[in-house]
Every structure is written in structure tokens, then in C-alpha cells.
């Protein structure tokens, strides 16, 4: 399905068009588990706080959170991934099904654990995170099944998002195949990379690293505030990987967009930051939808920057609120960037 390209004149028009998009999200999924409690004393057994649990909560993380963001923005996600045949995998399936998402693209394997990140939180304080996961690469059978699912769902989609968390789903044996399959059908590919496969995503249409990822991936001495030097590194990256564009998230410094045609820097909005977890998932979701619709790069960067900041005001990994984002976009007069 070829991407939508038409002229939009209003924020409402853009958000209405989001609802017509179908997005294949391929990537590492994980279960984000939260233990919320109160600390009133130190343990007599060791100098650590004793947490009195008030509640527990489980959320979809990684590529699952990208799918949640896509759905929250009004589009339809098709999640393709791999989990273990375990309780965490069952919990993740239920979270997605309860949200009304299609789960037929999720493969289950008895050879690996579902990735779980358990966070222990007291008030505004993040006390501890405990991870359980498998990070080994897919075996040949798993990889063949993954590509088969992508091939099955791809014709009905307007966009592919590759959400790489270095958990083993992606490798050079499937990355080029996914991008090639999408481009054969005229479907753009947006990538949220991590370090291991940073240089494997050749020919992607949109590449969205954060600052530390581009610094490590390019082996460059960079400072967040040095936009001139960042521009040089992005230009080099675009050329080396034959990328359509690069969108770099700079946390408190904002966002930078670079392509062969232009360079755009947008400062961050002042926010009361509660938690930066999941902000990149929101940015790639918004930027990907804008890419699929052929929206102007400056609007894409500005809306993505705005959405990434909004989710940082909430604790834990959460998808962006569509109505809140639309109101903020109107308040910031982002419709003027559509012209």
C-alpha cells in the first residue's frame, strides 16, 4: 500500500488523516512491570529501603509501546514480534488484546524468555529496576517465521516501523530483507535504532537515533549543544547509509532533522519532567505517521518534539494522548508549518 501524500491545512485535518493509516510495527516487545509503594523505614537486614506495596501494574513496552502510541494517535498498529511461551508473554498478549489490537503477528517461542523490566517506585522516586530477558539472535526457523508474518501483513499497511531494542529480533540477515520488501511495495520505513545494528539500516526513509546512539554509532566527539557538529555527523550518516532523513532526539535540547535537502533544529519546550522513559517511542510513532502522509519535515520535527515532551510529564512508559497533543499543536500554531 503506497503512502498517502496530499496537502493538509489544519491540525484537525492531520489528526483525522491519522485514523486512516495502518502501521506495521516490527520490533522487540517487552513487558513493563511496575511496583508502586511507600517507603517509611530502612531494612534492619541491609541499608536499603523497605517498600510497602500499594499496587502493581503491567504495560506493553518496547515495540509494544510504539504500537500503543500508534493506536492512541488514531491509526491502526499491526505488531510483529517474538515473545516467550511464558506468563509474561501471556500478560503482554492480554494487554494488547484488551486494547483491541491485532495479535496475530506475535510469534511465541519456547526457546527464549519474554523481556520484562520491573520498576520499583515510591512517590516520584525510581528505586530499582530488575530485568529478565533473552537477547540472543533469532534462529533460522524463528527468523523465517518473522519474515513470513511481515510479508503477510505488509500489503495492507502504509508504513513500517522497525523498533530495535537490541533484544535479538533484528540482525543483518533480516533488516535488509524487511526494508527491501517494504520498498518493493512503495511503503516507507522508519527506524528507531540501537547500538548493535546501528549501521545495518541502509536505505531507511527515516532514521531516529537519540543523542547517545548517534554519538556511539558514529564514534564521534559530540556535545548536545553543538548543533553545527551534529549537522556534520548527520550529513555523513545520511550519505553512508543512503538514508532519506535522520531525526535526532536531544532530550532537553530538543530535536534535530537532517536530510540531503535540508537541516532543521527545534528547541525543546519547557516541561516538568517526571520520567523520560518511552519518549523515543512516541517520537518515532508521530514522525512515522507524518512520513507516511508526506507531511513537511519542519512540521514532522515540531510535532514529534512536542509529543515526546508531553509523555515526559507522566511517570512510567505511557503513550501520548491524542487530544492533548492536538491542543498543544494548535496552541503552538504548528498548522503554519503545513504550508
C-alpha atoms as a PDB file:
ATOM      1  CA  UNK A   1       0.000   0.000   0.000  1.00  0.00           C
ATOM      2  CA  UNK A   2       1.600   3.278  -1.114  1.00  0.00           C
ATOM      3  CA  UNK A   3       1.956   6.111   1.409  1.00  0.00           C
ATOM      4  CA  UNK A   4      -0.588   8.933   1.474  1.00  0.00           C
ATOM      5  CA  UNK A   5       0.616  12.253   0.035  1.00  0.00           C
ATOM      6  CA  UNK A   6      -1.801  15.157  -0.012  1.00  0.00           C
ATOM      7  CA  UNK A   7      -1.965  18.738   1.195  1.00  0.00           C
ATOM      8  CA  UNK A   8      -3.185  19.424   4.717  1.00  0.00           C
ATOM      9  CA  UNK A   9      -4.135  22.840   6.060  1.00  0.00           C
ATOM     10  CA  UNK A  10      -5.066  22.241   9.706  1.00  0.00           C
ATOM     11  CA  UNK A  11      -4.100  20.257  12.777  1.00  0.00           C
ATOM     12  CA  UNK A  12      -7.558  18.689  12.834  1.00  0.00           C
ATOM     13  CA  UNK A  13      -7.134  17.587   9.230  1.00  0.00           C
ATOM     14  CA  UNK A  14      -3.819  15.914  10.036  1.00  0.00           C
ATOM     15  CA  UNK A  15      -5.212  14.078  13.048  1.00  0.00           C
ATOM     16  CA  UNK A  16      -8.283  12.936  11.123  1.00  0.00           C
ATOM     17  CA  UNK A  17      -5.968  11.514   8.458  1.00  0.00           C
ATOM     18  CA  UNK A  18      -4.020   9.582  11.112  1.00  0.00           C
ATOM     19  CA  UNK A  19      -7.109   7.406  11.621  1.00  0.00           C
ATOM     20  CA  UNK A  20      -6.886   6.116   8.064  1.00  0.00           C
ATOM     21  CA  UNK A  21      -3.345   4.763   8.453  1.00  0.00           C
ATOM     22  CA  UNK A  22      -2.324   1.178   9.132  1.00  0.00           C
ATOM     23  CA  UNK A  23       1.194   0.700  10.512  1.00  0.00           C
ATOM     24  CA  UNK A  24       3.279  -2.458  10.703  1.00  0.00           C
ATOM     25  CA  UNK A  25       5.384  -2.220  13.865  1.00  0.00           C
ATOM     26  CA  UNK A  26       8.164  -4.804  13.813  1.00  0.00           C
ATOM     27  CA  UNK A  27      10.408  -4.932  16.845  1.00  0.00           C
ATOM     28  CA  UNK A  28      11.434  -6.104  20.272  1.00  0.00           C
ATOM     29  CA  UNK A  29       8.459  -6.191  22.629  1.00  0.00           C
ATOM     30  CA  UNK A  30       8.723  -6.281  26.395  1.00  0.00           C
ATOM     31  CA  UNK A  31       6.540  -6.232  29.456  1.00  0.00           C
ATOM     32  CA  UNK A  32       6.935  -3.125  31.585  1.00  0.00           C
ATOM     33  CA  UNK A  33       6.035  -4.086  35.139  1.00  0.00           C
ATOM     34  CA  UNK A  34       5.563  -1.515  37.892  1.00  0.00           C
ATOM     35  CA  UNK A  35       5.508  -1.927  41.656  1.00  0.00           C
ATOM     36  CA  UNK A  36       4.231   1.241  43.323  1.00  0.00           C
ATOM     37  CA  UNK A  37       4.686   1.614  47.063  1.00  0.00           C
ATOM     38  CA  UNK A  38       5.652   3.703  50.071  1.00  0.00           C
ATOM     39  CA  UNK A  39       8.939   3.851  51.943  1.00  0.00           C
ATOM     40  CA  UNK A  40       8.771   4.623  55.653  1.00  0.00           C
ATOM     41  CA  UNK A  41      11.801   2.807  57.020  1.00  0.00           C
ATOM     42  CA  UNK A  42      15.159   1.231  56.233  1.00  0.00           C
ATOM     43  CA  UNK A  43      15.518  -2.530  56.385  1.00  0.00           C
ATOM     44  CA  UNK A  44      17.229  -3.928  59.519  1.00  0.00           C
ATOM     45  CA  UNK A  45      18.787  -6.603  57.283  1.00  0.00           C
ATOM     46  CA  UNK A  46      20.677  -4.232  54.978  1.00  0.00           C
ATOM     47  CA  UNK A  47      20.888  -0.461  54.344  1.00  0.00           C
ATOM     48  CA  UNK A  48      18.081  -0.500  51.774  1.00  0.00           C
ATOM     49  CA  UNK A  49      14.545   0.957  51.852  1.00  0.00           C
ATOM     50  CA  UNK A  50      11.573  -1.261  52.685  1.00  0.00           C
ATOM     51  CA  UNK A  51       8.803  -0.737  50.128  1.00  0.00           C
ATOM     52  CA  UNK A  52       5.249  -1.312  51.285  1.00  0.00           C
ATOM     53  CA  UNK A  53       3.435  -2.240  48.057  1.00  0.00           C
ATOM     54  CA  UNK A  54       0.279  -0.305  47.203  1.00  0.00           C
ATOM     55  CA  UNK A  55      -0.364  -1.578  43.681  1.00  0.00           C
ATOM     56  CA  UNK A  56       1.129  -3.392  40.715  1.00  0.00           C
ATOM     57  CA  UNK A  57       0.669  -2.586  37.049  1.00  0.00           C
ATOM     58  CA  UNK A  58       1.781  -4.096  33.750  1.00  0.00           C
ATOM     59  CA  UNK A  59       2.125  -2.218  30.465  1.00  0.00           C
ATOM     60  CA  UNK A  60       3.289  -3.013  26.942  1.00  0.00           C
ATOM     61  CA  UNK A  61       6.851  -1.802  26.416  1.00  0.00           C
ATOM     62  CA  UNK A  62       9.372  -1.548  23.607  1.00  0.00           C
ATOM     63  CA  UNK A  63       7.702  -2.099  20.241  1.00  0.00           C
ATOM     64  CA  UNK A  64       4.514  -2.745  22.222  1.00  0.00           C
ATOM     65  CA  UNK A  65       4.587   0.853  23.447  1.00  0.00           C
ATOM     66  CA  UNK A  66       5.137   2.079  19.894  1.00  0.00           C
ATOM     67  CA  UNK A  67       2.015   0.130  18.891  1.00  0.00           C
ATOM     68  CA  UNK A  68       0.185   1.715  21.830  1.00  0.00           C
ATOM     69  CA  UNK A  69       1.260   5.176  20.643  1.00  0.00           C
ATOM     70  CA  UNK A  70       0.129   4.435  17.085  1.00  0.00           C
ATOM     71  CA  UNK A  71      -3.274   3.342  18.400  1.00  0.00           C
ATOM     72  CA  UNK A  72      -3.519   6.344  20.734  1.00  0.00           C
ATOM     73  CA  UNK A  73      -2.903   8.656  17.777  1.00  0.00           C
ATOM     74  CA  UNK A  74      -5.861   7.064  15.995  1.00  0.00           C
ATOM     75  CA  UNK A  75      -4.052   4.833  13.494  1.00  0.00           C
ATOM     76  CA  UNK A  76      -4.144   1.017  13.411  1.00  0.00           C
ATOM     77  CA  UNK A  77      -0.992  -0.832  14.507  1.00  0.00           C
ATOM     78  CA  UNK A  78      -0.076  -4.332  13.352  1.00  0.00           C
ATOM     79  CA  UNK A  79       2.560  -5.590  15.784  1.00  0.00           C
ATOM     80  CA  UNK A  80       5.007  -8.249  14.582  1.00  0.00           C
ATOM     81  CA  UNK A  81       7.385  -9.617  17.192  1.00  0.00           C
ATOM     82  CA  UNK A  82       8.505 -12.627  19.222  1.00  0.00           C
ATOM     83  CA  UNK A  83       7.841 -13.475  22.870  1.00  0.00           C
ATOM     84  CA  UNK A  84       8.439 -16.481  25.054  1.00  0.00           C
ATOM     85  CA  UNK A  85       5.830 -19.089  25.890  1.00  0.00           C
ATOM     86  CA  UNK A  86       5.685 -17.826  29.462  1.00  0.00           C
ATOM     87  CA  UNK A  87       3.488 -15.887  31.884  1.00  0.00           C
ATOM     88  CA  UNK A  88       4.993 -12.570  30.807  1.00  0.00           C
ATOM     89  CA  UNK A  89       4.208 -13.351  27.173  1.00  0.00           C
ATOM     90  CA  UNK A  90       0.634 -14.242  28.157  1.00  0.00           C
ATOM     91  CA  UNK A  91       0.299 -10.975  30.084  1.00  0.00           C
ATOM     92  CA  UNK A  92       1.585  -8.988  27.119  1.00  0.00           C
ATOM     93  CA  UNK A  93      -0.862 -10.694  24.755  1.00  0.00           C
ATOM     94  CA  UNK A  94      -3.730  -9.843  27.119  1.00  0.00           C
ATOM     95  CA  UNK A  95      -2.720  -6.187  27.393  1.00  0.00           C
ATOM     96  CA  UNK A  96      -2.694  -5.840  23.610  1.00  0.00           C
ATOM     97  CA  UNK A  97      -5.939  -7.795  23.145  1.00  0.00           C
ATOM     98  CA  UNK A  98      -7.693  -5.707  25.825  1.00  0.00           C
ATOM     99  CA  UNK A  99      -6.660  -2.616  23.868  1.00  0.00           C
ATOM    100  CA  UNK A 100      -8.327  -4.130  20.791  1.00  0.00           C
ATOM    101  CA  UNK A 101      -5.083  -4.729  18.913  1.00  0.00           C
ATOM    102  CA  UNK A 102      -4.448  -7.496  16.450  1.00  0.00           C
ATOM    103  CA  UNK A 103      -2.055 -10.050  17.989  1.00  0.00           C
ATOM    104  CA  UNK A 104      -1.695 -12.454  15.059  1.00  0.00           C
ATOM    105  CA  UNK A 105       1.725 -11.071  14.242  1.00  0.00           C
ATOM    106  CA  UNK A 106       3.269 -12.077  17.563  1.00  0.00           C
ATOM    107  CA  UNK A 107       5.211 -15.318  17.452  1.00  0.00           C
ATOM    108  CA  UNK A 108       5.749 -17.424  20.597  1.00  0.00           C
ATOM    109  CA  UNK A 109       8.964 -19.336  21.226  1.00  0.00           C
ATOM    110  CA  UNK A 110       9.797 -21.905  23.876  1.00  0.00           C
ATOM    111  CA  UNK A 111      13.489 -21.098  23.445  1.00  0.00           C
ATOM    112  CA  UNK A 112      13.501 -17.632  24.998  1.00  0.00           C
ATOM    113  CA  UNK A 113      12.084 -15.512  27.818  1.00  0.00           C
ATOM    114  CA  UNK A 114       9.773 -12.586  27.213  1.00  0.00           C
ATOM    115  CA  UNK A 115      11.701  -9.429  28.107  1.00  0.00           C
ATOM    116  CA  UNK A 116      10.470  -7.954  31.404  1.00  0.00           C
ATOM    117  CA  UNK A 117      11.518  -4.679  33.004  1.00  0.00           C
ATOM    118  CA  UNK A 118      10.221  -4.405  36.560  1.00  0.00           C
ATOM    119  CA  UNK A 119      10.458  -0.982  38.153  1.00  0.00           C
ATOM    120  CA  UNK A 120      10.017  -0.335  41.877  1.00  0.00           C
ATOM    121  CA  UNK A 121       8.795   3.208  42.527  1.00  0.00           C
ATOM    122  CA  UNK A 122       7.989   5.178  45.663  1.00  0.00           C
ATOM    123  CA  UNK A 123       6.353   8.550  45.078  1.00  0.00           C
ATOM    124  CA  UNK A 124       8.465  10.342  42.457  1.00  0.00           C
ATOM    125  CA  UNK A 125      11.499   8.202  43.242  1.00  0.00           C
ATOM    126  CA  UNK A 126      12.532   5.343  40.949  1.00  0.00           C
ATOM    127  CA  UNK A 127      14.231   2.993  43.417  1.00  0.00           C
ATOM    128  CA  UNK A 128      15.216  -0.030  41.353  1.00  0.00           C
ATOM    129  CA  UNK A 129      14.770  -1.796  38.021  1.00  0.00           C
ATOM    130  CA  UNK A 130      15.054  -5.558  37.604  1.00  0.00           C
ATOM    131  CA  UNK A 131      15.378  -7.006  34.074  1.00  0.00           C
ATOM    132  CA  UNK A 132      14.709 -10.532  32.869  1.00  0.00           C
ATOM    133  CA  UNK A 133      15.214 -11.192  29.176  1.00  0.00           C
ATOM    134  CA  UNK A 134      16.711 -13.168  26.309  1.00  0.00           C
ATOM    135  CA  UNK A 135      18.945 -11.207  23.944  1.00  0.00           C
ATOM    136  CA  UNK A 136      20.147 -13.983  21.664  1.00  0.00           C
ATOM    137  CA  UNK A 137      19.573 -13.623  17.935  1.00  0.00           C
ATOM    138  CA  UNK A 138      16.684 -15.406  16.275  1.00  0.00           C
ATOM    139  CA  UNK A 139      17.460 -18.857  14.956  1.00  0.00           C
ATOM    140  CA  UNK A 140      16.801 -19.643  11.288  1.00  0.00           C
ATOM    141  CA  UNK A 141      13.302 -21.005  11.935  1.00  0.00           C
ATOM    142  CA  UNK A 142      12.263 -18.023  14.038  1.00  0.00           C
ATOM    143  CA  UNK A 143      13.671 -15.579  11.502  1.00  0.00           C
ATOM    144  CA  UNK A 144      11.841 -17.281   8.637  1.00  0.00           C
ATOM    145  CA  UNK A 145       8.584 -17.137  10.609  1.00  0.00           C
ATOM    146  CA  UNK A 146       9.098 -13.466  11.425  1.00  0.00           C
ATOM    147  CA  UNK A 147       9.690 -12.532   7.781  1.00  0.00           C
ATOM    148  CA  UNK A 148       6.665 -14.616   6.806  1.00  0.00           C
ATOM    149  CA  UNK A 149       4.420 -12.642   9.167  1.00  0.00           C
ATOM    150  CA  UNK A 150       5.763  -9.351   7.870  1.00  0.00           C
ATOM    151  CA  UNK A 151       5.211 -10.442   4.269  1.00  0.00           C
ATOM    152  CA  UNK A 152       1.639 -11.435   5.161  1.00  0.00           C
ATOM    153  CA  UNK A 153       0.635  -8.129   6.771  1.00  0.00           C
ATOM    154  CA  UNK A 154       2.729  -5.711   4.687  1.00  0.00           C
ATOM    155  CA  UNK A 155       0.384  -5.228   1.687  1.00  0.00           C
ATOM    156  CA  UNK A 156      -2.337  -3.726   3.891  1.00  0.00           C
ATOM    157  CA  UNK A 157      -0.042  -1.173   5.575  1.00  0.00           C
ATOM    158  CA  UNK A 158       1.015   2.399   4.811  1.00  0.00           C
ATOM    159  CA  UNK A 159       4.193   2.400   6.920  1.00  0.00           C
ATOM    160  CA  UNK A 160       6.735   0.086   8.549  1.00  0.00           C
ATOM    161  CA  UNK A 161       8.373   0.999  11.850  1.00  0.00           C
ATOM    162  CA  UNK A 162      11.405  -1.048  12.918  1.00  0.00           C
ATOM    163  CA  UNK A 163      11.720  -0.714  16.687  1.00  0.00           C
ATOM    164  CA  UNK A 164      15.112  -2.112  17.672  1.00  0.00           C
ATOM    165  CA  UNK A 165      15.924  -2.556  21.368  1.00  0.00           C
ATOM    166  CA  UNK A 166      18.944  -4.850  20.880  1.00  0.00           C
ATOM    167  CA  UNK A 167      16.997  -7.862  22.225  1.00  0.00           C
ATOM    168  CA  UNK A 168      17.814 -10.135  19.282  1.00  0.00           C
ATOM    169  CA  UNK A 169      14.858  -9.709  16.928  1.00  0.00           C
ATOM    170  CA  UNK A 170      16.865  -7.780  14.327  1.00  0.00           C
ATOM    171  CA  UNK A 171      20.123  -8.700  12.624  1.00  0.00           C
ATOM    172  CA  UNK A 172      21.773  -8.092   9.279  1.00  0.00           C
ATOM    173  CA  UNK A 173      20.078 -11.254   7.962  1.00  0.00           C
ATOM    174  CA  UNK A 174      16.583  -9.727   8.220  1.00  0.00           C
ATOM    175  CA  UNK A 175      16.956  -5.927   8.317  1.00  0.00           C
ATOM    176  CA  UNK A 176      17.768  -5.524   4.630  1.00  0.00           C
ATOM    177  CA  UNK A 177      15.024  -8.017   3.715  1.00  0.00           C
ATOM    178  CA  UNK A 178      12.370  -6.037   5.633  1.00  0.00           C
ATOM    179  CA  UNK A 179      13.378  -2.710   4.080  1.00  0.00           C
ATOM    180  CA  UNK A 180      13.536  -4.272   0.607  1.00  0.00           C
ATOM    181  CA  UNK A 181      10.081  -5.885   0.954  1.00  0.00           C
ATOM    182  CA  UNK A 182       8.559  -2.594   2.075  1.00  0.00           C
ATOM    183  CA  UNK A 183      10.155  -0.524  -0.670  1.00  0.00           C
ATOM    184  CA  UNK A 184       9.084  -3.022  -3.324  1.00  0.00           C
ATOM    185  CA  UNK A 185       5.505  -2.141  -2.379  1.00  0.00           C
ATOM    186  CA  UNK A 186       6.127   1.609  -2.108  1.00  0.00           C
ATOM    187  CA  UNK A 187       5.904   1.602   1.692  1.00  0.00           C
ATOM    188  CA  UNK A 188       8.251   3.899   3.666  1.00  0.00           C
ATOM    189  CA  UNK A 189      10.322   2.555   6.553  1.00  0.00           C
ATOM    190  CA  UNK A 190      11.020   4.425   9.791  1.00  0.00           C
ATOM    191  CA  UNK A 191      13.680   3.059  12.143  1.00  0.00           C
ATOM    192  CA  UNK A 192      14.300   3.536  15.864  1.00  0.00           C
ATOM    193  CA  UNK A 193      17.809   2.041  16.173  1.00  0.00           C
ATOM    194  CA  UNK A 194      20.006   0.833  18.983  1.00  0.00           C
ATOM    195  CA  UNK A 195      23.760   0.383  19.033  1.00  0.00           C
ATOM    196  CA  UNK A 196      24.297  -3.184  17.805  1.00  0.00           C
ATOM    197  CA  UNK A 197      22.591  -2.795  14.405  1.00  0.00           C
ATOM    198  CA  UNK A 198      23.122   0.956  14.062  1.00  0.00           C
ATOM    199  CA  UNK A 199      24.823   0.740  10.662  1.00  0.00           C
ATOM    200  CA  UNK A 200      22.648  -2.057   9.255  1.00  0.00           C
ATOM    201  CA  UNK A 201      19.587   0.029   8.351  1.00  0.00           C
ATOM    202  CA  UNK A 202      20.712   1.146   4.914  1.00  0.00           C
ATOM    203  CA  UNK A 203      18.109   2.862   2.702  1.00  0.00           C
ATOM    204  CA  UNK A 204      15.651   3.547   5.532  1.00  0.00           C
ATOM    205  CA  UNK A 205      13.414   6.550   4.863  1.00  0.00           C
ATOM    206  CA  UNK A 206      13.557   7.902   8.420  1.00  0.00           C
ATOM    207  CA  UNK A 207      16.241   7.049  10.994  1.00  0.00           C
ATOM    208  CA  UNK A 208      15.615   8.202  14.579  1.00  0.00           C
ATOM    209  CA  UNK A 209      18.533   7.774  16.985  1.00  0.00           C
ATOM    210  CA  UNK A 210      18.836   9.609  20.277  1.00  0.00           C
ATOM    211  CA  UNK A 211      21.930  11.651  21.073  1.00  0.00           C
ATOM    212  CA  UNK A 212      23.927   8.886  22.755  1.00  0.00           C
ATOM    213  CA  UNK A 213      23.112   6.447  19.935  1.00  0.00           C
ATOM    214  CA  UNK A 214      24.334   8.746  17.169  1.00  0.00           C
ATOM    215  CA  UNK A 215      27.401   9.649  19.233  1.00  0.00           C
ATOM    216  CA  UNK A 216      28.296   5.979  19.734  1.00  0.00           C
ATOM    217  CA  UNK A 217      27.183   4.858  16.275  1.00  0.00           C
ATOM    218  CA  UNK A 218      29.297   7.494  14.530  1.00  0.00           C
ATOM    219  CA  UNK A 219      32.149   7.204  17.066  1.00  0.00           C
ATOM    220  CA  UNK A 220      32.062  10.976  17.302  1.00  0.00           C
ATOM    221  CA  UNK A 221      33.010  13.506  19.957  1.00  0.00           C
ATOM    222  CA  UNK A 222      29.753  15.384  20.279  1.00  0.00           C
ATOM    223  CA  UNK A 223      28.132  17.838  22.656  1.00  0.00           C
ATOM    224  CA  UNK A 224      24.348  18.144  22.724  1.00  0.00           C
ATOM    225  CA  UNK A 225      24.504  21.880  22.331  1.00  0.00           C
ATOM    226  CA  UNK A 226      26.853  21.797  19.339  1.00  0.00           C
ATOM    227  CA  UNK A 227      24.292  21.701  16.540  1.00  0.00           C
ATOM    228  CA  UNK A 228      26.891  22.624  13.919  1.00  0.00           C
ATOM    229  CA  UNK A 229      28.933  19.493  14.674  1.00  0.00           C
ATOM    230  CA  UNK A 230      25.788  17.386  14.913  1.00  0.00           C
ATOM    231  CA  UNK A 231      24.748  18.618  11.479  1.00  0.00           C
ATOM    232  CA  UNK A 232      28.055  17.375  10.063  1.00  0.00           C
ATOM    233  CA  UNK A 233      27.655  13.932  11.643  1.00  0.00           C
ATOM    234  CA  UNK A 234      24.071  13.600  10.424  1.00  0.00           C
ATOM    235  CA  UNK A 235      25.119  14.591   6.906  1.00  0.00           C
ATOM    236  CA  UNK A 236      27.816  11.911   6.995  1.00  0.00           C
ATOM    237  CA  UNK A 237      25.371   9.315   8.359  1.00  0.00           C
ATOM    238  CA  UNK A 238      22.800  10.065   5.640  1.00  0.00           C
ATOM    239  CA  UNK A 239      25.465   9.570   2.987  1.00  0.00           C
ATOM    240  CA  UNK A 240      26.992   6.400   4.470  1.00  0.00           C
ATOM    241  CA  UNK A 241      23.668   4.591   4.946  1.00  0.00           C
ATOM    242  CA  UNK A 242      21.790   6.156   1.999  1.00  0.00           C
ATOM    243  CA  UNK A 243      19.076   7.381   4.371  1.00  0.00           C
ATOM    244  CA  UNK A 244      16.118   9.517   3.405  1.00  0.00           C
ATOM    245  CA  UNK A 245      16.312  11.548   6.610  1.00  0.00           C
ATOM    246  CA  UNK A 246      17.582  11.475  10.190  1.00  0.00           C
ATOM    247  CA  UNK A 247      15.708  12.718  13.264  1.00  0.00           C
ATOM    248  CA  UNK A 248      17.860  13.009  16.394  1.00  0.00           C
ATOM    249  CA  UNK A 249      16.225  13.436  19.799  1.00  0.00           C
ATOM    250  CA  UNK A 250      18.314  15.651  22.084  1.00  0.00           C
ATOM    251  CA  UNK A 251      16.230  15.458  25.312  1.00  0.00           C
ATOM    252  CA  UNK A 252      16.359  18.896  26.997  1.00  0.00           C
ATOM    253  CA  UNK A 253      17.950  20.415  23.871  1.00  0.00           C
ATOM    254  CA  UNK A 254      15.073  19.488  21.557  1.00  0.00           C
ATOM    255  CA  UNK A 255      15.252  17.716  18.209  1.00  0.00           C
ATOM    256  CA  UNK A 256      17.294  17.862  15.010  1.00  0.00           C
ATOM    257  CA  UNK A 257      16.213  16.845  11.498  1.00  0.00           C
ATOM    258  CA  UNK A 258      18.641  16.355   8.648  1.00  0.00           C
ATOM    259  CA  UNK A 259      18.224  15.165   5.055  1.00  0.00           C
ATOM    260  CA  UNK A 260      20.048  15.702   1.767  1.00  0.00           C
ATOM    261  CA  UNK A 261      17.723  18.663   1.156  1.00  0.00           C
ATOM    262  CA  UNK A 262      17.566  20.486   4.487  1.00  0.00           C
ATOM    263  CA  UNK A 263      18.601  20.908   8.116  1.00  0.00           C
ATOM    264  CA  UNK A 264      16.155  21.764  10.917  1.00  0.00           C
ATOM    265  CA  UNK A 265      16.762  22.352  14.631  1.00  0.00           C
ATOM    266  CA  UNK A 266      13.881  22.847  17.078  1.00  0.00           C
ATOM    267  CA  UNK A 267      14.416  23.660  20.751  1.00  0.00           C
ATOM    268  CA  UNK A 268      12.670  21.697  23.492  1.00  0.00           C
ATOM    269  CA  UNK A 269       9.594  23.082  25.237  1.00  0.00           C
ATOM    270  CA  UNK A 270       9.941  23.775  28.950  1.00  0.00           C
ATOM    271  CA  UNK A 271       8.365  20.890  30.880  1.00  0.00           C
ATOM    272  CA  UNK A 272       8.045  19.485  34.377  1.00  0.00           C
ATOM    273  CA  UNK A 273       9.853  16.212  33.648  1.00  0.00           C
ATOM    274  CA  UNK A 274       8.608  13.190  35.603  1.00  0.00           C
ATOM    275  CA  UNK A 275      10.064  10.351  33.515  1.00  0.00           C
ATOM    276  CA  UNK A 276      11.810  10.261  30.129  1.00  0.00           C
ATOM    277  CA  UNK A 277      11.070   6.539  29.592  1.00  0.00           C
ATOM    278  CA  UNK A 278       9.223   5.887  26.350  1.00  0.00           C
ATOM    279  CA  UNK A 279       9.624   9.377  24.883  1.00  0.00           C
ATOM    280  CA  UNK A 280      11.527   7.965  21.910  1.00  0.00           C
ATOM    281  CA  UNK A 281       8.660   5.542  21.232  1.00  0.00           C
ATOM    282  CA  UNK A 282       6.293   8.494  20.989  1.00  0.00           C
ATOM    283  CA  UNK A 283       8.636  10.440  18.708  1.00  0.00           C
ATOM    284  CA  UNK A 284       9.074   7.586  16.203  1.00  0.00           C
ATOM    285  CA  UNK A 285       5.307   6.978  16.187  1.00  0.00           C
ATOM    286  CA  UNK A 286       4.446  10.588  15.396  1.00  0.00           C
ATOM    287  CA  UNK A 287       7.296  11.045  12.925  1.00  0.00           C
ATOM    288  CA  UNK A 288       6.412   7.778  11.189  1.00  0.00           C
ATOM    289  CA  UNK A 289       2.786   8.758  10.683  1.00  0.00           C
ATOM    290  CA  UNK A 290       3.874  12.139   9.321  1.00  0.00           C
ATOM    291  CA  UNK A 291       6.289  10.359   6.971  1.00  0.00           C
ATOM    292  CA  UNK A 292       3.528   8.082   5.677  1.00  0.00           C
ATOM    293  CA  UNK A 293       1.396  11.150   4.941  1.00  0.00           C
ATOM    294  CA  UNK A 294       4.180  13.081   3.234  1.00  0.00           C
ATOM    295  CA  UNK A 295       3.965  15.987   5.673  1.00  0.00           C
ATOM    296  CA  UNK A 296       6.599  18.761   5.637  1.00  0.00           C
ATOM    297  CA  UNK A 297       9.780  17.935   7.577  1.00  0.00           C
ATOM    298  CA  UNK A 298       9.561  21.023   9.796  1.00  0.00           C
ATOM    299  CA  UNK A 299       6.024  20.104  10.846  1.00  0.00           C
ATOM    300  CA  UNK A 300       7.090  16.477  11.400  1.00  0.00           C
ATOM    301  CA  UNK A 301      10.011  17.520  13.619  1.00  0.00           C
ATOM    302  CA  UNK A 302       7.944  20.061  15.557  1.00  0.00           C
ATOM    303  CA  UNK A 303       5.010  17.723  16.240  1.00  0.00           C
ATOM    304  CA  UNK A 304       7.344  14.869  17.213  1.00  0.00           C
ATOM    305  CA  UNK A 305       9.277  17.176  19.547  1.00  0.00           C
ATOM    306  CA  UNK A 306       6.025  18.309  21.137  1.00  0.00           C
ATOM    307  CA  UNK A 307       4.691  14.781  21.658  1.00  0.00           C
ATOM    308  CA  UNK A 308       7.949  13.473  23.091  1.00  0.00           C
ATOM    309  CA  UNK A 309       7.921  16.241  25.668  1.00  0.00           C
ATOM    310  CA  UNK A 310       4.313  15.649  26.691  1.00  0.00           C
ATOM    311  CA  UNK A 311       4.852  11.995  27.674  1.00  0.00           C
ATOM    312  CA  UNK A 312       7.841  13.005  29.834  1.00  0.00           C
ATOM    313  CA  UNK A 313       5.403  14.788  32.151  1.00  0.00           C
ATOM    314  CA  UNK A 314       3.944  11.437  33.237  1.00  0.00           C
ATOM    315  CA  UNK A 315       5.546   8.715  35.302  1.00  0.00           C
ATOM    316  CA  UNK A 316       6.259   5.401  33.635  1.00  0.00           C
ATOM    317  CA  UNK A 317       6.032   4.394  29.985  1.00  0.00           C
ATOM    318  CA  UNK A 318       2.776   5.771  28.551  1.00  0.00           C
ATOM    319  CA  UNK A 319       1.503   6.517  25.031  1.00  0.00           C
ATOM    320  CA  UNK A 320       0.834  10.098  24.015  1.00  0.00           C
ATOM    321  CA  UNK A 321      -2.678  11.474  24.485  1.00  0.00           C
ATOM    322  CA  UNK A 322      -4.077  12.364  21.048  1.00  0.00           C
ATOM    323  CA  UNK A 323      -6.380  15.175  22.220  1.00  0.00           C
ATOM    324  CA  UNK A 324      -3.714  16.741  24.429  1.00  0.00           C
ATOM    325  CA  UNK A 325      -1.205  16.677  21.580  1.00  0.00           C
ATOM    326  CA  UNK A 326      -3.694  18.240  19.168  1.00  0.00           C
ATOM    327  CA  UNK A 327      -4.485  21.052  21.636  1.00  0.00           C
ATOM    328  CA  UNK A 328      -0.789  21.759  22.198  1.00  0.00           C
ATOM    329  CA  UNK A 329      -0.115  21.726  18.458  1.00  0.00           C
ATOM    330  CA  UNK A 330      -2.849  24.315  17.923  1.00  0.00           C
ATOM    331  CA  UNK A 331      -1.566  26.436  20.812  1.00  0.00           C
ATOM    332  CA  UNK A 332       1.917  26.369  19.284  1.00  0.00           C
ATOM    333  CA  UNK A 333       0.412  27.226  15.870  1.00  0.00           C
ATOM    334  CA  UNK A 334       2.040  24.253  14.176  1.00  0.00           C
ATOM    335  CA  UNK A 335      -0.555  24.483  11.415  1.00  0.00           C
ATOM    336  CA  UNK A 336       1.546  27.319   9.962  1.00  0.00           C
ATOM    337  CA  UNK A 337       4.256  24.726   9.244  1.00  0.00           C
ATOM    338  CA  UNK A 338       1.915  22.801   6.955  1.00  0.00           C
ATOM    339  CA  UNK A 339       2.068  25.476   4.289  1.00  0.00           C
END
